Amino acid sequence: MGKEFEIVREFEVGATPEQVWEAFTTGTGGWLWPMEYEPRPGGSAEGGVITAWDPPHRLASRAEAPEGMEGAPQTLNVLDRLIEPREGGRAWVRYVHSGIFTDDWDNQYDGANRHTDFYMHTLRQYVTHFPGRAAVFTDVQGPEASTKKGSFAAVGRALGLDGAAEGDTLRVDLPGAGPADAVLDYRNEHFIGLRTGDAMYRFFGRDAWGGPVGIALHRFAADADAGREQAEEAWQAWLNGLYA
């Protein structure tokens, strides 16, 4: 038996509507994960169909899954993004994620709600610091041991973040890249965001909702693609070693 949900975020960002539109359509690898859209109403979106395509103002999509589809926490997933211009080349964004969760509604909603905050923050980081830049995206997942609740705290300790607060610039030893100055742009008990001059590193404590600890890399350097495999292997080894 499913139950409806709705998650709404509204914010202003220091980027033009065109830059935000690009981030939501062709630049998703820079802050979320790579996605492709067929640019028209009725066109294909990831797992669904586009219901509104009005650049650079509105993008909406809808995806449905059969009731009881194995492994699917939702039977309906709807995303709606509204973008409006503001003075000074800024934009106002209204992001709505709604649909139907099937099982364990409270846990599913809590996870989606908290992830939305982190993703929208990362979107703002992208359009502010790396607007229009293509990213090489890499995603790694921790081992089964990282699904134990409370596991995520080990990530902050391993990165040397004890005593650090949002906004601090730290010297961090990044697997596969070596020591680098990084801004701690986001931190709470479930998520950590680090930003360097040419990359964003996102750490996800999905142990809180029964999943493994994960890391998403958004790398913007000119040679990032050539080092994709090395970066993935280095961070995977780091996670595996952390939870060995």
Foldseek 3Di string as FASTA:
>chain_A
DKDKDKAKDKDKAQAALQLLQCCVACAVVQQHNDWHWDQDAQTDTVQWGWNDHDPSFKTKTKHADPPPPPPDQFRIWIWIWGWDGDPPNMIMIMIMIMGIGDPPVVLVVVVVNVVVVRRVLSSRVCCVQPGPFHWDKDKDWADLLQLAPPNVVLVCVQQVNVPPDQQDWDFGQQFLPGTFTWGFHDDDSAWTWTDGNFKIKIWGSCSSSRGTIMIMITGRDPCCVVCVVRNNVRVHVVRHVSRD
